[in-house]
Amino acid sequence: MPSQDFVDMTATPVDHSQSVSMLRLTAERLKKITFPQLVRPALGPNAPPTIELIQWAIQAYAFPWIRHMNALINGIILLIDSDNKAGVRIIGRSSFEFCAHSYYVKKHLKQYLDQKDLAAAWKFLLPIGTGSRYINEFHSAPEVSELFPVGPHISKAINCFKEAMPTEDDYSYLSEFCHPNMMTFSQHYLWTTPYTIDFVDQVEFGAFGAIAGSTVHGLIAIQELLTIGNERQINGAIGRLLTAIVDQHREDKP
């Protein structure tokens, strides 16, 4: 369970500077993590899954998740520093999805393992690690579908993530700016009279809290997964990052 510090950080509004500082710290720490080689347990494709295989699959999910979040958060920092607010919202929606996904995976996998149902846990993890909707839709064949089963739709992860994120409209808000519509266009203009539009620099920004809050919850879920996966090295690095985020939050409190 997350500590009260994490609950306070993600349940109460924070100003933009606090959220940006947290994202900057996260970007710096994630960039420094180095990953060990993963070796799959020597089990045949038809052998019943073992706990060692499940733990390997957890690490095979968590490690690329961390590396991709590193790319996303560092990309967000570059966009922030270049004052590209429209770009931040688009990448922020992607990072939100990844954090929702880690929470979804952690919750359901833990349920199967608490029931000591390794077969169900393995069946759940297979499409998580190898699923591809694109391959199934455009290169469909029976043998291909078996190798690349369709993973869970992102809407399932987002709905599940509502248990962790205190506000339900964050994802919808970020998504609005990823499509051609009024909210996207209004980032770039202002009505200065009832008949006049002036084109301006991008208007006031309101997404940093959702991006930072979801990132904290995603990191917590990944750390819990790594604990279930009996992994220590990367788990320790994520734990130290979460501690540093809490320390920074305490220092930044007014």
Protein backbone atom coordinates (compact mmCIF):
# COMPACT_ATOMS: atom_id res chain seq x y z
CA MET A 1 0.00 0.00 0.00
CA PRO A 2 1.28 3.51 -0.78
CA SER A 3 2.34 5.65 2.14
CA GLN A 4 0.35 8.69 3.27
CA ASP A 5 2.95 10.89 1.57
CA PHE A 6 2.08 9.38 -1.81
CA VAL A 7 -1.64 9.70 -1.10
CA ASP A 8 -1.18 13.38 -0.24
CA MET A 9 0.92 14.00 -3.34
CA THR A 10 -1.63 12.57 -5.76
CA ALA A 11 -4.89 13.48 -4.00
CA THR A 12 -4.29 17.21 -3.52
CA PRO A 13 -3.65 19.84 -6.17
CA VAL A 14 -0.01 20.85 -6.58
CA ASP A 15 1.29 23.81 -8.48
CA HIS A 16 2.98 23.34 -11.82
CA SER A 17 6.46 23.88 -10.47
CA GLN A 18 6.10 20.99 -7.99
CA SER A 19 4.86 18.62 -10.69
CA VAL A 20 7.60 19.65 -13.10
CA SER A 21 10.26 19.22 -10.40
CA MET A 22 8.96 15.72 -9.70
CA LEU A 23 8.98 14.81 -13.41
CA ARG A 24 12.48 16.23 -13.81
CA LEU A 25 13.74 14.18 -10.86
CA THR A 26 12.08 11.06 -12.28
CA ALA A 27 13.63 11.63 -15.70
CA GLU A 28 17.11 12.02 -14.23
CA ARG A 29 16.84 8.89 -12.06
CA LEU A 30 15.28 6.62 -14.70
CA LYS A 31 17.99 7.56 -17.19
CA LYS A 32 20.67 6.19 -14.85
CA ILE A 33 19.19 2.71 -14.38
CA THR A 34 21.08 -0.12 -16.08
CA PHE A 35 19.39 -3.45 -16.69
CA PRO A 36 20.71 -7.00 -16.34
CA GLN A 37 20.29 -9.69 -18.97
CA LEU A 38 17.16 -11.78 -18.53
CA VAL A 39 17.37 -15.55 -19.08
CA ARG A 40 14.13 -17.48 -19.47
CA PRO A 41 13.76 -20.60 -17.32
CA ALA A 42 14.41 -23.73 -19.39
CA LEU A 43 10.81 -24.91 -19.72
CA GLY A 44 9.23 -26.25 -22.87
CA PRO A 45 6.26 -24.46 -24.46
CA ASN A 46 3.80 -27.08 -23.21
CA ALA A 47 5.22 -27.48 -19.70
CA PRO A 48 3.05 -26.20 -16.84
CA PRO A 49 4.18 -22.76 -15.65
CA THR A 50 6.33 -22.52 -12.55
CA ILE A 51 6.69 -19.61 -10.15
CA GLU A 52 10.15 -19.01 -11.64
CA LEU A 53 8.60 -18.62 -15.10
CA ILE A 54 6.00 -16.20 -13.73
CA GLN A 55 8.73 -14.16 -12.02
CA TRP A 56 10.73 -14.05 -15.25
CA ALA A 57 7.65 -12.87 -17.18
CA ILE A 58 7.04 -10.13 -14.63
CA GLN A 59 10.58 -8.85 -15.10
CA ALA A 60 10.24 -9.16 -18.88
CA TYR A 61 7.25 -6.80 -18.61
CA ALA A 62 8.58 -4.41 -15.96
CA PHE A 63 12.03 -3.76 -17.45
CA PRO A 64 10.85 -2.48 -20.87
CA TRP A 65 8.03 -0.62 -19.11
CA ILE A 66 10.63 1.30 -17.09
CA ARG A 67 12.78 1.93 -20.17
CA HIS A 68 9.82 3.25 -22.16
CA MET A 69 8.66 5.45 -19.29
CA ASN A 70 12.21 6.78 -19.20
CA ALA A 71 11.86 7.74 -22.87
CA LEU A 72 8.43 9.32 -22.33
CA ILE A 73 9.28 11.32 -19.19
CA ASN A 74 12.59 12.54 -20.62
CA GLY A 75 10.70 13.53 -23.77
CA ILE A 76 8.20 15.46 -21.65
CA ILE A 77 11.06 17.33 -19.96
CA LEU A 78 12.53 18.28 -23.36
CA LEU A 79 9.11 19.57 -24.46
CA ILE A 80 8.69 21.51 -21.20
CA ASP A 81 12.09 23.14 -21.63
CA SER A 82 11.21 24.17 -25.19
CA ASP A 83 7.80 25.50 -24.03
CA ASN A 84 5.94 23.01 -26.25
CA LYS A 85 2.84 22.61 -24.11
CA ALA A 86 0.79 21.00 -26.88
CA GLY A 87 3.41 18.27 -27.24
CA VAL A 88 3.52 17.67 -23.48
CA ARG A 89 -0.20 16.88 -23.41
CA ILE A 90 0.15 14.30 -26.20
CA ILE A 91 3.13 12.49 -24.66
CA GLY A 92 1.51 12.87 -21.23
CA ARG A 93 -1.51 10.91 -22.42
CA SER A 94 0.80 8.07 -23.48
CA SER A 95 2.62 8.04 -20.14
CA PHE A 96 -0.76 8.05 -18.35
CA GLU A 97 -1.76 4.94 -20.32
CA PHE A 98 1.45 3.13 -19.41
CA CYS A 99 0.94 3.91 -15.73
CA ALA A 100 -2.67 2.73 -15.87
CA HIS A 101 -1.49 -0.45 -17.57
CA SER A 102 1.08 -1.24 -14.85
CA TYR A 103 -1.60 -0.80 -12.19
CA TYR A 104 -3.97 -3.09 -14.14
CA VAL A 105 -1.30 -5.78 -14.56
CA LYS A 106 -0.26 -5.63 -10.91
CA LYS A 107 -3.83 -5.86 -9.61
CA HIS A 108 -4.93 -8.83 -11.72
CA LEU A 109 -1.68 -10.76 -11.52
CA LYS A 110 -1.67 -10.45 -7.73
CA GLN A 111 -5.22 -11.82 -7.61
CA TYR A 112 -4.19 -14.94 -9.54
CA LEU A 113 -1.07 -15.49 -7.46
CA ASP A 114 -2.94 -14.97 -4.19
CA GLN A 115 -5.15 -17.85 -5.36
CA LYS A 116 -1.97 -19.83 -6.19
CA ASP A 117 -3.26 -20.23 -9.75
CA LEU A 118 -0.03 -20.20 -11.77
CA ALA A 119 -1.79 -21.35 -14.95
CA ALA A 120 -4.18 -18.39 -14.83
CA ALA A 121 -1.32 -16.00 -14.04
CA TRP A 122 0.64 -17.25 -17.06
CA LYS A 123 -2.40 -17.10 -19.33
CA PHE A 124 -2.93 -13.49 -18.19
CA LEU A 125 0.72 -12.51 -18.75
CA LEU A 126 1.06 -13.97 -22.24
CA PRO A 127 -0.97 -11.33 -24.11
CA ILE A 128 0.46 -8.64 -21.80
CA GLY A 129 3.97 -9.41 -23.02
CA THR A 130 3.38 -10.57 -26.59
CA GLY A 131 0.03 -9.13 -27.62
CA SER A 132 -0.30 -7.00 -30.75
CA ARG A 133 -3.61 -5.73 -32.10
CA TYR A 134 -1.84 -4.48 -35.25
CA ILE A 135 -0.32 -7.86 -36.10
CA ASN A 136 -3.64 -9.61 -35.50
CA GLU A 137 -5.61 -7.19 -37.66
CA PHE A 138 -3.21 -6.81 -40.60
CA HIS A 139 -1.17 -10.02 -40.61
CA SER A 140 -3.75 -12.43 -39.31
CA ALA A 141 -3.23 -16.17 -39.57
CA PRO A 142 -3.95 -18.88 -36.99
CA GLU A 143 -0.29 -19.35 -36.10
CA VAL A 144 0.26 -15.58 -35.90
CA SER A 145 -2.74 -15.04 -33.61
CA GLU A 146 -1.44 -17.71 -31.28
CA LEU A 147 1.99 -16.09 -31.07
CA PHE A 148 0.70 -12.52 -30.77
CA PRO A 149 -2.67 -12.64 -28.98
CA VAL A 150 -4.61 -9.40 -28.64
CA GLY A 151 -3.85 -7.77 -25.30
CA PRO A 152 -6.41 -6.09 -23.04
CA HIS A 153 -7.92 -2.89 -24.44
CA ILE A 154 -6.52 0.25 -22.85
CA SER A 155 -10.02 1.20 -21.66
CA LYS A 156 -9.88 -1.72 -19.21
CA ALA A 157 -6.65 -0.40 -17.74
CA ILE A 158 -7.97 3.17 -17.53
CA ASN A 159 -11.14 2.06 -15.74
CA CYS A 160 -9.09 -0.03 -13.32
CA PHE A 161 -6.73 2.90 -12.71
CA LYS A 162 -9.61 4.98 -11.37
CA GLU A 163 -9.11 3.10 -8.11
CA ALA A 164 -5.72 4.81 -7.72
CA MET A 165 -6.13 8.21 -9.36
CA PRO A 166 -8.32 10.56 -7.30
CA THR A 167 -9.93 12.31 -10.30
CA GLU A 168 -11.65 10.42 -13.09
CA ASP A 169 -11.48 13.07 -15.80
CA ASP A 170 -7.66 13.33 -16.12
CA TYR A 171 -7.38 10.83 -18.96
CA SER A 172 -10.32 12.28 -20.86
CA TYR A 173 -8.79 15.73 -20.47
CA LEU A 174 -5.42 14.62 -21.86
CA SER A 175 -7.11 12.68 -24.67
CA GLU A 176 -9.04 15.71 -25.86
CA PHE A 177 -5.79 17.37 -26.91
CA CYS A 178 -4.73 14.41 -29.07
CA HIS A 179 -7.52 14.90 -31.64
CA PRO A 180 -8.61 17.68 -34.01
CA ASN A 181 -11.25 19.47 -31.95
CA MET A 182 -12.02 22.73 -30.18
CA MET A 183 -9.84 22.05 -27.14
CA THR A 184 -6.81 21.25 -29.28
CA PHE A 185 -7.29 24.30 -31.50
CA SER A 186 -8.01 26.63 -28.58
CA GLN A 187 -4.45 26.10 -27.31
CA HIS A 188 -3.35 28.47 -30.05
CA TYR A 189 -5.85 31.33 -30.14
CA LEU A 190 -8.02 33.62 -28.05
CA TRP A 191 -11.31 35.34 -28.79
CA THR A 192 -10.44 38.95 -27.99
CA THR A 193 -13.87 40.27 -29.03
CA PRO A 194 -17.08 38.45 -30.02
CA TYR A 195 -15.92 38.77 -33.64
CA THR A 196 -12.14 38.60 -33.46
CA ILE A 197 -9.67 35.75 -33.01
CA ASP A 198 -6.06 36.52 -32.11
CA PHE A 199 -3.43 33.81 -32.50
CA VAL A 200 -1.20 33.60 -29.44
CA ASP A 201 1.38 31.42 -27.77
CA GLN A 202 -0.09 28.31 -26.20
CA VAL A 203 -2.50 29.17 -23.41
CA GLU A 204 -2.45 28.24 -19.71
CA PHE A 205 -1.46 24.65 -19.06
CA GLY A 206 -3.32 22.27 -16.77
CA ALA A 207 -1.98 18.76 -17.27
CA PHE A 208 1.17 18.54 -15.16
CA GLY A 209 -0.69 17.29 -12.08
CA ALA A 210 -2.32 14.41 -13.97
CA ILE A 211 0.96 13.41 -15.59
CA ALA A 212 2.97 13.58 -12.36
CA GLY A 213 0.30 11.88 -10.25
CA SER A 214 -0.16 9.00 -12.68
CA THR A 215 3.62 8.57 -12.88
CA VAL A 216 3.86 8.10 -9.10
CA HIS A 217 1.11 5.46 -9.14
CA GLY A 218 2.71 3.72 -12.12
CA LEU A 219 6.07 3.54 -10.37
CA ILE A 220 4.45 2.18 -7.20
CA ALA A 221 2.72 -0.55 -9.23
CA ILE A 222 5.95 -1.46 -11.00
CA GLN A 223 7.81 -1.71 -7.71
CA GLU A 224 5.11 -4.02 -6.35
CA LEU A 225 5.38 -6.15 -9.49
CA LEU A 226 9.16 -6.37 -9.15
CA THR A 227 8.70 -7.47 -5.54
CA ILE A 228 6.31 -10.20 -6.68
CA GLY A 229 8.85 -11.08 -9.38
CA ASN A 230 11.58 -11.57 -6.75
CA GLU A 231 13.75 -8.89 -8.39
CA ARG A 232 16.05 -6.73 -6.26
CA GLN A 233 18.39 -4.59 -8.37
CA ILE A 234 15.87 -2.57 -10.39
CA ASN A 235 13.36 -2.77 -7.54
CA GLY A 236 15.88 -1.01 -5.32
CA ALA A 237 16.43 1.73 -7.89
CA ILE A 238 12.67 2.37 -8.19
CA GLY A 239 12.35 2.34 -4.41
CA ARG A 240 15.09 4.95 -4.06
CA LEU A 241 13.40 7.07 -6.74
CA LEU A 242 10.06 6.94 -4.89
CA THR A 243 11.80 7.90 -1.65
CA ALA A 244 13.48 10.83 -3.40
CA ILE A 245 10.10 11.95 -4.78
CA VAL A 246 8.62 11.93 -1.26
CA ASP A 247 11.60 13.86 0.13
CA GLN A 248 11.31 16.44 -2.63
CA HIS A 249 7.57 16.80 -2.01
CA ARG A 250 8.15 17.43 1.70
CA GLU A 251 10.77 20.08 0.93
CA ASP A 252 8.48 21.79 -1.59
CA LYS A 253 5.48 21.95 0.77
CA PRO A 254 4.56 25.56 1.54
